[in-house]
Amino acid sequence: MTKSGYCLLILLITFEAISAPKITIKHQRNVEGFAQIQITNESMEKLICHVAIDGHKIKFRLMPIQPSKWYTATDTRFNHQNFSVRCDYLDAQPE
């Protein structure tokens, strides 16, 4: 393999290692006026996700091509900007 072939291989491995899972995030307000969030896993891998609002963090697993349940804020003053979402591949997370 040539030097440029090795460089391409290293670049591909690095890109794969730092790639984030594909997720879709939906926001809404329920009938009581509380902000809600739902995360959908668009990848074919299991994910571990965290949803946080006002210091409360919820950790859950998200199956491939599946949505999460709706997570609801605890106060009507919160909006979609108060939610924090992080998802990662389950295989990349030590237990």
PDB file of N, CA and C in Angstrom:
ATOM      1  N   MET A   1       0.849  -1.168   0.000  1.00  0.00           N
ATOM      2  CA  MET A   1       0.000   0.000   0.000  1.00  0.00           C
ATOM      3  C   MET A   1       0.899   1.237   0.000  1.00  0.00           C
ATOM      4  N   THR A   2       0.490   2.228  -0.775  1.00  0.00           N
ATOM      5  CA  THR A   2       1.284   3.449  -0.878  1.00  0.00           C
ATOM      6  C   THR A   2       1.048   4.368   0.317  1.00  0.00           C
ATOM      7  N   LYS A   3       1.884   5.394   0.398  1.00  0.00           N
ATOM      8  CA  LYS A   3       1.762   6.351   1.502  1.00  0.00           C
ATOM      9  C   LYS A   3       0.404   7.049   1.479  1.00  0.00           C
ATOM     10  N   SER A   4      -0.077   7.410   0.305  1.00  0.00           N
ATOM     11  CA  SER A   4      -1.382   8.074   0.216  1.00  0.00           C
ATOM     12  C   SER A   4      -2.511   7.111   0.601  1.00  0.00           C
ATOM     13  N   GLY A   5      -2.331   5.823   0.320  1.00  0.00           N
ATOM     14  CA  GLY A   5      -3.323   4.823   0.725  1.00  0.00           C
ATOM     15  C   GLY A   5      -3.416   4.696   2.230  1.00  0.00           C
ATOM     16  N   TYR A   6      -2.283   4.729   2.912  1.00  0.00           N
ATOM     17  CA  TYR A   6      -2.261   4.687   4.376  1.00  0.00           C
ATOM     18  C   TYR A   6      -2.918   5.931   4.971  1.00  0.00           C
ATOM     19  N   CYS A   7      -2.621   7.075   4.374  1.00  0.00           N
ATOM     20  CA  CYS A   7      -3.219   8.325   4.865  1.00  0.00           C
ATOM     21  C   CYS A   7      -4.738   8.287   4.727  1.00  0.00           C
ATOM     22  N   LEU A   8      -5.233   7.786   3.619  1.00  0.00           N
ATOM     23  CA  LEU A   8      -6.668   7.674   3.405  1.00  0.00           C
ATOM     24  C   LEU A   8      -7.290   6.709   4.411  1.00  0.00           C
ATOM     25  N   LEU A   9      -6.635   5.596   4.657  1.00  0.00           N
ATOM     26  CA  LEU A   9      -7.120   4.620   5.623  1.00  0.00           C
ATOM     27  C   LEU A   9      -7.189   5.217   7.025  1.00  0.00           C
ATOM     28  N   ILE A  10      -6.167   5.932   7.433  1.00  0.00           N
ATOM     29  CA  ILE A  10      -6.160   6.580   8.755  1.00  0.00           C
ATOM     30  C   ILE A  10      -7.263   7.630   8.838  1.00  0.00           C
ATOM     31  N   LEU A  11      -7.460   8.391   7.781  1.00  0.00           N
ATOM     32  CA  LEU A  11      -8.512   9.399   7.751  1.00  0.00           C
ATOM     33  C   LEU A  11      -9.890   8.760   7.898  1.00  0.00           C
ATOM     34  N   LEU A  12     -10.123   7.660   7.200  1.00  0.00           N
ATOM     35  CA  LEU A  12     -11.416   6.967   7.296  1.00  0.00           C
ATOM     36  C   LEU A  12     -11.651   6.397   8.692  1.00  0.00           C
ATOM     37  N   ILE A  13     -10.630   5.809   9.283  1.00  0.00           N
ATOM     38  CA  ILE A  13     -10.762   5.259  10.635  1.00  0.00           C
ATOM     39  C   ILE A  13     -11.030   6.383  11.630  1.00  0.00           C
ATOM     40  N   THR A  14     -10.324   7.496  11.510  1.00  0.00           N
ATOM     41  CA  THR A  14     -10.521   8.638  12.397  1.00  0.00           C
ATOM     42  C   THR A  14     -11.919   9.206  12.244  1.00  0.00           C
ATOM     43  N   PHE A  15     -12.402   9.334  11.014  1.00  0.00           N
ATOM     44  CA  PHE A  15     -13.734   9.861  10.762  1.00  0.00           C
ATOM     45  C   PHE A  15     -14.789   8.959  11.395  1.00  0.00           C
ATOM     46  N   GLU A  16     -14.636   7.662  11.261  1.00  0.00           N
ATOM     47  CA  GLU A  16     -15.580   6.713  11.839  1.00  0.00           C
ATOM     48  C   GLU A  16     -15.566   6.788  13.355  1.00  0.00           C
ATOM     49  N   ALA A  17     -14.410   6.987  13.945  1.00  0.00           N
ATOM     50  CA  ALA A  17     -14.291   7.021  15.401  1.00  0.00           C
ATOM     51  C   ALA A  17     -14.936   8.262  16.008  1.00  0.00           C
ATOM     52  N   ILE A  18     -14.943   9.374  15.279  1.00  0.00           N
ATOM     53  CA  ILE A  18     -15.497  10.600  15.837  1.00  0.00           C
ATOM     54  C   ILE A  18     -16.885  10.929  15.295  1.00  0.00           C
ATOM     55  N   SER A  19     -17.456  10.073  14.487  1.00  0.00           N
ATOM     56  CA  SER A  19     -18.767  10.366  13.934  1.00  0.00           C
ATOM     57  C   SER A  19     -19.846  10.187  14.999  1.00  0.00           C
ATOM     58  N   ALA A  20     -20.772  11.111  15.020  1.00  0.00           N
ATOM     59  CA  ALA A  20     -21.870  11.079  15.979  1.00  0.00           C
ATOM     60  C   ALA A  20     -23.044  10.296  15.385  1.00  0.00           C
ATOM     61  N   PRO A  21     -23.828   9.672  16.238  1.00  0.00           N
ATOM     62  CA  PRO A  21     -24.991   8.943  15.724  1.00  0.00           C
ATOM     63  C   PRO A  21     -26.032   9.907  15.152  1.00  0.00           C
ATOM     64  N   LYS A  22     -26.787   9.431  14.197  1.00  0.00           N
ATOM     65  CA  LYS A  22     -27.822  10.241  13.556  1.00  0.00           C
ATOM     66  C   LYS A  22     -29.082  10.166  14.409  1.00  0.00           C
ATOM     67  N   ILE A  23     -29.499  11.313  14.947  1.00  0.00           N
ATOM     68  CA  ILE A  23     -30.728  11.390  15.731  1.00  0.00           C
ATOM     69  C   ILE A  23     -31.569  12.557  15.238  1.00  0.00           C
ATOM     70  N   THR A  24     -32.862  12.471  15.499  1.00  0.00           N
ATOM     71  CA  THR A  24     -33.793  13.557  15.220  1.00  0.00           C
ATOM     72  C   THR A  24     -34.440  13.945  16.540  1.00  0.00           C
ATOM     73  N   ILE A  25     -34.555  15.236  16.773  1.00  0.00           N
ATOM     74  CA  ILE A  25     -35.133  15.728  18.023  1.00  0.00           C
ATOM     75  C   ILE A  25     -36.414  16.496  17.698  1.00  0.00           C
ATOM     76  N   LYS A  26     -37.491  16.147  18.411  1.00  0.00           N
ATOM     77  CA  LYS A  26     -38.782  16.839  18.263  1.00  0.00           C
ATOM     78  C   LYS A  26     -39.113  17.536  19.576  1.00  0.00           C
ATOM     79  N   HIS A  27     -39.685  18.723  19.455  1.00  0.00           N
ATOM     80  CA  HIS A  27     -40.128  19.489  20.619  1.00  0.00           C
ATOM     81  C   HIS A  27     -41.619  19.773  20.472  1.00  0.00           C
ATOM     82  N   GLN A  28     -42.297  19.848  21.595  1.00  0.00           N
ATOM     83  CA  GLN A  28     -43.701  20.240  21.601  1.00  0.00           C
ATOM     84  C   GLN A  28     -44.069  20.680  23.013  1.00  0.00           C
ATOM     85  N   ARG A  29     -45.272  21.178  23.178  1.00  0.00           N
ATOM     86  CA  ARG A  29     -45.844  21.455  24.498  1.00  0.00           C
ATOM     87  C   ARG A  29     -47.060  20.553  24.649  1.00  0.00           C
ATOM     88  N   ASN A  30     -47.223  19.970  25.849  1.00  0.00           N
ATOM     89  CA  ASN A  30     -48.382  19.118  26.075  1.00  0.00           C
ATOM     90  C   ASN A  30     -49.599  19.985  26.398  1.00  0.00           C
ATOM     91  N   VAL A  31     -50.746  19.367  26.642  1.00  0.00           N
ATOM     92  CA  VAL A  31     -51.982  20.124  26.856  1.00  0.00           C
ATOM     93  C   VAL A  31     -51.934  20.974  28.118  1.00  0.00           C
ATOM     94  N   GLU A  32     -51.069  20.609  29.071  1.00  0.00           N
ATOM     95  CA  GLU A  32     -50.926  21.416  30.286  1.00  0.00           C
ATOM     96  C   GLU A  32     -49.933  22.569  30.107  1.00  0.00           C
ATOM     97  N   GLY A  33     -49.270  22.646  28.960  1.00  0.00           N
ATOM     98  CA  GLY A  33     -48.338  23.734  28.677  1.00  0.00           C
ATOM     99  C   GLY A  33     -46.886  23.440  29.024  1.00  0.00           C
ATOM    100  N   PHE A  34     -46.550  22.183  29.356  1.00  0.00           N
ATOM    101  CA  PHE A  34     -45.171  21.821  29.678  1.00  0.00           C
ATOM    102  C   PHE A  34     -44.406  21.478  28.405  1.00  0.00           C
ATOM    103  N   ALA A  35     -43.159  21.930  28.318  1.00  0.00           N
ATOM    104  CA  ALA A  35     -42.299  21.607  27.175  1.00  0.00           C
ATOM    105  C   ALA A  35     -41.956  20.118  27.210  1.00  0.00           C
ATOM    106  N   GLN A  36     -41.915  19.509  26.022  1.00  0.00           N
ATOM    107  CA  GLN A  36     -41.573  18.093  25.894  1.00  0.00           C
ATOM    108  C   GLN A  36     -40.547  17.908  24.792  1.00  0.00           C
ATOM    109  N   ILE A  37     -39.822  16.790  24.893  1.00  0.00           N
ATOM    110  CA  ILE A  37     -38.807  16.456  23.893  1.00  0.00           C
ATOM    111  C   ILE A  37     -38.873  14.959  23.608  1.00  0.00           C
ATOM    112  N   GLN A  38     -38.621  14.598  22.342  1.00  0.00           N
ATOM    113  CA  GLN A  38     -38.556  13.195  21.928  1.00  0.00           C
ATOM    114  C   GLN A  38     -37.366  13.041  20.984  1.00  0.00           C
ATOM    115  N   ILE A  39     -36.591  11.986  21.190  1.00  0.00           N
ATOM    116  CA  ILE A  39     -35.418  11.715  20.367  1.00  0.00           C
ATOM    117  C   ILE A  39     -35.690  10.466  19.546  1.00  0.00           C
ATOM    118  N   THR A  40     -35.372  10.506  18.266  1.00  0.00           N
ATOM    119  CA  THR A  40     -35.519   9.344  17.392  1.00  0.00           C
ATOM    120  C   THR A  40     -34.144   8.915  16.907  1.00  0.00           C
ATOM    121  N   ASN A  41     -33.846   7.634  17.064  1.00  0.00           N
ATOM    122  CA  ASN A  41     -32.590   7.055  16.584  1.00  0.00           C
ATOM    123  C   ASN A  41     -32.748   6.760  15.099  1.00  0.00           C
ATOM    124  N   GLU A  42     -32.000   7.438  14.273  1.00  0.00           N
ATOM    125  CA  GLU A  42     -32.053   7.231  12.821  1.00  0.00           C
ATOM    126  C   GLU A  42     -30.990   6.245  12.340  1.00  0.00           C
ATOM    127  N   SER A  43     -30.202   5.709  13.260  1.00  0.00           N
ATOM    128  CA  SER A  43     -29.130   4.784  12.882  1.00  0.00           C
ATOM    129  C   SER A  43     -29.574   3.338  13.083  1.00  0.00           C
ATOM    130  N   MET A  44     -28.732   2.421  12.672  1.00  0.00           N
ATOM    131  CA  MET A  44     -29.007   0.984  12.834  1.00  0.00           C
ATOM    132  C   MET A  44     -28.302   0.421  14.064  1.00  0.00           C
ATOM    133  N   GLU A  45     -27.812   1.289  14.939  1.00  0.00           N
ATOM    134  CA  GLU A  45     -27.090   0.890  16.148  1.00  0.00           C
ATOM    135  C   GLU A  45     -27.882   1.273  17.388  1.00  0.00           C
ATOM    136  N   LYS A  46     -27.681   0.536  18.478  1.00  0.00           N
ATOM    137  CA  LYS A  46     -28.271   0.909  19.757  1.00  0.00           C
ATOM    138  C   LYS A  46     -27.521   2.110  20.312  1.00  0.00           C
ATOM    139  N   LEU A  47     -28.267   3.043  20.900  1.00  0.00           N
ATOM    140  CA  LEU A  47     -27.670   4.250  21.460  1.00  0.00           C
ATOM    141  C   LEU A  47     -27.934   4.338  22.954  1.00  0.00           C
ATOM    142  N   ILE A  48     -27.071   5.049  23.639  1.00  0.00           N
ATOM    143  CA  ILE A  48     -27.301   5.440  25.022  1.00  0.00           C
ATOM    144  C   ILE A  48     -27.463   6.962  24.975  1.00  0.00           C
ATOM    145  N   CYS A  49     -28.554   7.458  25.548  1.00  0.00           N
ATOM    146  CA  CYS A  49     -28.856   8.887  25.468  1.00  0.00           C
ATOM    147  C   CYS A  49     -29.081   9.471  26.853  1.00  0.00           C
ATOM    148  N   HIS A  50     -28.847  10.767  26.955  1.00  0.00           N
ATOM    149  CA  HIS A  50     -29.101  11.527  28.174  1.00  0.00           C
ATOM    150  C   HIS A  50     -29.935  12.745  27.786  1.00  0.00           C
ATOM    151  N   VAL A  51     -31.020  12.961  28.514  1.00  0.00           N
ATOM    152  CA  VAL A  51     -31.808  14.176  28.373  1.00  0.00           C
ATOM    153  C   VAL A  51     -31.724  14.882  29.715  1.00  0.00           C
ATOM    154  N   ALA A  52     -31.350  16.145  29.691  1.00  0.00           N
ATOM    155  CA  ALA A  52     -31.219  16.901  30.940  1.00  0.00           C
ATOM    156  C   ALA A  52     -32.010  18.197  30.846  1.00  0.00           C
ATOM    157  N   ILE A  53     -32.623  18.565  31.964  1.00  0.00           N
ATOM    158  CA  ILE A  53     -33.287  19.854  32.090  1.00  0.00           C
ATOM    159  C   ILE A  53     -33.248  20.256  33.556  1.00  0.00           C
ATOM    160  N   ASP A  54     -32.808  21.462  33.802  1.00  0.00           N
ATOM    161  CA  ASP A  54     -32.756  22.021  35.153  1.00  0.00           C
ATOM    162  C   ASP A  54     -32.039  21.104  36.145  1.00  0.00           C
ATOM    163  N   GLY A  55     -30.905  20.529  35.728  1.00  0.00           N
ATOM    164  CA  GLY A  55     -30.120  19.703  36.627  1.00  0.00           C
ATOM    165  C   GLY A  55     -30.587  18.266  36.766  1.00  0.00           C
ATOM    166  N   HIS A  56     -31.710  17.925  36.198  1.00  0.00           N
ATOM    167  CA  HIS A  56     -32.218  16.550  36.242  1.00  0.00           C
ATOM    168  C   HIS A  56     -31.817  15.842  34.959  1.00  0.00           C
ATOM    169  N   LYS A  57     -31.101  14.718  35.087  1.00  0.00           N
ATOM    170  CA  LYS A  57     -30.633  13.984  33.916  1.00  0.00           C
ATOM    171  C   LYS A  57     -31.304  12.621  33.872  1.00  0.00           C
ATOM    172  N   ILE A  58     -31.807  12.278  32.698  1.00  0.00           N
ATOM    173  CA  ILE A  58     -32.439  10.978  32.473  1.00  0.00           C
ATOM    174  C   ILE A  58     -31.580  10.231  31.465  1.00  0.00           C
ATOM    175  N   LYS A  59     -31.179   9.014  31.819  1.00  0.00           N
ATOM    176  CA  LYS A  59     -30.353   8.178  30.952  1.00  0.00           C
ATOM    177  C   LYS A  59     -31.213   7.018  30.463  1.00  0.00           C
ATOM    178  N   PHE A  60     -31.149   6.740  29.158  1.00  0.00           N
ATOM    179  CA  PHE A  60     -31.950   5.652  28.601  1.00  0.00           C
ATOM    180  C   PHE A  60     -31.283   5.096  27.353  1.00  0.00           C
ATOM    181  N   ARG A  61     -31.690   3.885  26.999  1.00  0.00           N
ATOM    182  CA  ARG A  61     -31.219   3.251  25.762  1.00  0.00           C
ATOM    183  C   ARG A  61     -32.245   3.497  24.671  1.00  0.00           C
ATOM    184  N   LEU A  62     -31.741   3.661  23.464  1.00  0.00           N
ATOM    185  CA  LEU A  62     -32.595   3.920  22.315  1.00  0.00           C
ATOM    186  C   LEU A  62     -32.282   2.901  21.232  1.00  0.00           C
ATOM    187  N   MET A  63     -33.261   2.097  20.906  1.00  0.00           N
ATOM    188  CA  MET A  63     -33.097   1.032  19.918  1.00  0.00           C
ATOM    189  C   MET A  63     -33.005   1.614  18.505  1.00  0.00           C
ATOM    190  N   PRO A  64     -32.441   0.847  17.561  1.00  0.00           N
ATOM    191  CA  PRO A  64     -32.307   1.328  16.180  1.00  0.00           C
ATOM    192  C   PRO A  64     -33.652   1.711  15.562  1.00  0.00           C
ATOM    193  N   ILE A  65     -33.663   2.807  14.859  1.00  0.00           N
ATOM    194  CA  ILE A  65     -34.822   3.300  14.108  1.00  0.00           C
ATOM    195  C   ILE A  65     -36.069   3.370  14.998  1.00  0.00           C
ATOM    196  N   GLN A  66     -35.913   3.833  16.223  1.00  0.00           N
ATOM    197  CA  GLN A  66     -37.031   3.933  17.168  1.00  0.00           C
ATOM    198  C   GLN A  66     -37.036   5.308  17.834  1.00  0.00           C
ATOM    199  N   PRO A  67     -38.228   5.809  18.172  1.00  0.00           N
ATOM    200  CA  PRO A  67     -38.301   7.046  18.952  1.00  0.00           C
ATOM    201  C   PRO A  67     -38.295   6.735  20.446  1.00  0.00           C
ATOM    202  N   SER A  68     -37.877   7.699  21.232  1.00  0.00           N
ATOM    203  CA  SER A  68     -37.974   7.580  22.684  1.00  0.00           C
ATOM    204  C   SER A  68     -39.395   7.955  23.093  1.00  0.00           C
ATOM    205  N   LYS A  69     -39.675   7.809  24.368  1.00  0.00           N
ATOM    206  CA  LYS A  69     -40.932   8.354  24.865  1.00  0.00           C
ATOM    207  C   LYS A  69     -40.770   9.864  24.955  1.00  0.00           C
ATOM    208  N   TRP A  70     -41.843  10.577  25.178  1.00  0.00           N
ATOM    209  CA  TRP A  70     -41.776  12.015  25.356  1.00  0.00           C
ATOM    210  C   TRP A  70     -41.306  12.312  26.777  1.00  0.00           C
ATOM    211  N   TYR A  71     -40.283  13.140  26.906  1.00  0.00           N
ATOM    212  CA  TYR A  71     -39.789  13.578  28.205  1.00  0.00           C
ATOM    213  C   TYR A  71     -40.301  14.995  28.446  1.00  0.00           C
ATOM    214  N   THR A  72     -40.851  15.228  29.643  1.00  0.00           N
ATOM    215  CA  THR A  72     -41.568  16.462  29.951  1.00  0.00           C
ATOM    216  C   THR A  72     -40.835  17.275  31.004  1.00  0.00           C
ATOM    217  N   ALA A  73     -40.785  18.584  30.791  1.00  0.00           N
ATOM    218  CA  ALA A  73     -40.201  19.503  31.767  1.00  0.00           C
ATOM    219  C   ALA A  73     -41.069  19.544  33.024  1.00  0.00           C
ATOM    220  N   THR A  74     -40.492  20.021  34.111  1.00  0.00           N
ATOM    221  CA  THR A  74     -41.197  20.058  35.393  1.00  0.00           C
ATOM    222  C   THR A  74     -41.836  21.407  35.690  1.00  0.00           C
ATOM    223  N   ASP A  75     -41.643  22.381  34.803  1.00  0.00           N
ATOM    224  CA  ASP A  75     -42.157  23.726  35.031  1.00  0.00           C
ATOM    225  C   ASP A  75     -42.575  24.306  33.675  1.00  0.00           C
ATOM    226  N   THR A  76     -43.693  25.009  33.639  1.00  0.00           N
ATOM    227  CA  THR A  76     -44.180  25.569  32.370  1.00  0.00           C
ATOM    228  C   THR A  76     -43.292  26.704  31.860  1.00  0.00           C
ATOM    229  N   ARG A  77     -42.400  27.237  32.689  1.00  0.00           N
ATOM    230  CA  ARG A  77     -41.496  28.295  32.238  1.00  0.00           C
ATOM    231  C   ARG A  77     -40.361  27.767  31.365  1.00  0.00           C
ATOM    232  N   PHE A  78     -40.106  26.456  31.393  1.00  0.00           N
ATOM    233  CA  PHE A  78     -39.062  25.876  30.547  1.00  0.00           C
ATOM    234  C   PHE A  78     -39.550  25.801  29.109  1.00  0.00           C
ATOM    235  N   ASN A  79     -38.600  25.915  28.169  1.00  0.00           N
ATOM    236  CA  ASN A  79     -38.916  25.748  26.753  1.00  0.00           C
ATOM    237  C   ASN A  79     -37.889  24.802  26.127  1.00  0.00           C
ATOM    238  N   HIS A  80     -37.953  24.646  24.816  1.00  0.00           N
ATOM    239  CA  HIS A  80     -37.076  23.682  24.135  1.00  0.00           C
ATOM    240  C   HIS A  80     -35.591  24.003  24.314  1.00  0.00           C
ATOM    241  N   GLN A  81     -35.257  25.266  24.549  1.00  0.00           N
ATOM    242  CA  GLN A  81     -33.855  25.642  24.712  1.00  0.00           C
ATOM    243  C   GLN A  81     -33.283  25.204  26.054  1.00  0.00           C
ATOM    244  N   ASN A  82     -34.132  24.865  26.991  1.00  0.00           N
ATOM    245  CA  ASN A  82     -33.671  24.430  28.304  1.00  0.00           C
ATOM    246  C   ASN A  82     -33.288  22.949  28.342  1.00  0.00           C
ATOM    247  N   PHE A  83     -33.643  22.193  27.321  1.00  0.00           N
ATOM    248  CA  PHE A  83     -33.290  20.775  27.254  1.00  0.00           C
ATOM    249  C   PHE A  83     -31.876  20.613  26.719  1.00  0.00           C
ATOM    250  N   SER A  84     -31.172  19.617  27.230  1.00  0.00           N
ATOM    251  CA  SER A  84     -29.858  19.233  26.726  1.00  0.00           C
ATOM    252  C   SER A  84     -29.933  17.755  26.359  1.00  0.00           C
ATOM    253  N   VAL A  85     -29.458  17.413  25.172  1.00  0.00           N
ATOM    254  CA  VAL A  85     -29.525  16.026  24.687  1.00  0.00           C
ATOM    255  C   VAL A  85     -28.145  15.574  24.266  1.00  0.00           C
ATOM    256  N   ARG A  86     -27.775  14.361  24.678  1.00  0.00           N
ATOM    257  CA  ARG A  86     -26.523  13.751  24.229  1.00  0.00           C
ATOM    258  C   ARG A  86     -26.778  12.277  23.984  1.00  0.00           C
ATOM    259  N   CYS A  87     -26.393  11.800  22.820  1.00  0.00           N
ATOM    260  CA  CYS A  87     -26.503  10.379  22.487  1.00  0.00           C
ATOM    261  C   CYS A  87     -25.164   9.886  21.957  1.00  0.00           C
ATOM    262  N   ASP A  88     -24.862   8.627  22.265  1.00  0.00           N
ATOM    263  CA  ASP A  88     -23.639   8.010  21.801  1.00  0.00           C
ATOM    264  C   ASP A  88     -23.929   6.534  21.525  1.00  0.00           C
ATOM    265  N   TYR A  89     -23.062   5.919  20.751  1.00  0.00           N
ATOM    266  CA  TYR A  89     -23.226   4.501  20.464  1.00  0.00           C
ATOM    267  C   TYR A  89     -23.062   3.699  21.761  1.00  0.00           C
ATOM    268  N   LEU A  90     -23.915   2.738  21.971  1.00  0.00           N
ATOM    269  CA  LEU A  90     -23.882   1.927  23.183  1.00  0.00           C
ATOM    270  C   LEU A  90     -22.552   1.188  23.320  1.00  0.00           C
ATOM    271  N   ASP A  91     -22.013   0.736  22.199  1.00  0.00           N
ATOM    272  CA  ASP A  91     -20.726   0.009  22.212  1.00  0.00           C
ATOM    273  C   ASP A  91     -19.569   0.906  22.657  1.00  0.00           C
ATOM    274  N   ALA A  92     -19.699   2.219  22.496  1.00  0.00           N
ATOM    275  CA  ALA A  92     -18.619   3.153  22.836  1.00  0.00           C
ATOM    276  C   ALA A  92     -18.654   3.554  24.310  1.00  0.00           C
ATOM    277  N   GLN A  93     -19.690   3.172  25.031  1.00  0.00           N
ATOM    278  CA  GLN A  93     -19.846   3.560  26.427  1.00  0.00           C
ATOM    279  C   GLN A  93     -19.460   2.426  27.362  1.00  0.00           C
ATOM    280  N   PRO A  94     -18.497   2.643  28.232  1.00  0.00           N
ATOM    281  CA  PRO A  94     -18.186   1.606  29.220  1.00  0.00           C
ATOM    282  C   PRO A  94     -19.301   1.547  30.259  1.00  0.00           C
ATOM    283  N   GLU A  95     -19.599   0.388  30.733  1.00  0.00           N
ATOM    284  CA  GLU A  95     -20.693   0.218  31.703  1.00  0.00           C
ATOM    285  C   GLU A  95     -20.197   0.331  33.101  1.00  0.00           C
TER     286      GLU A  95
END
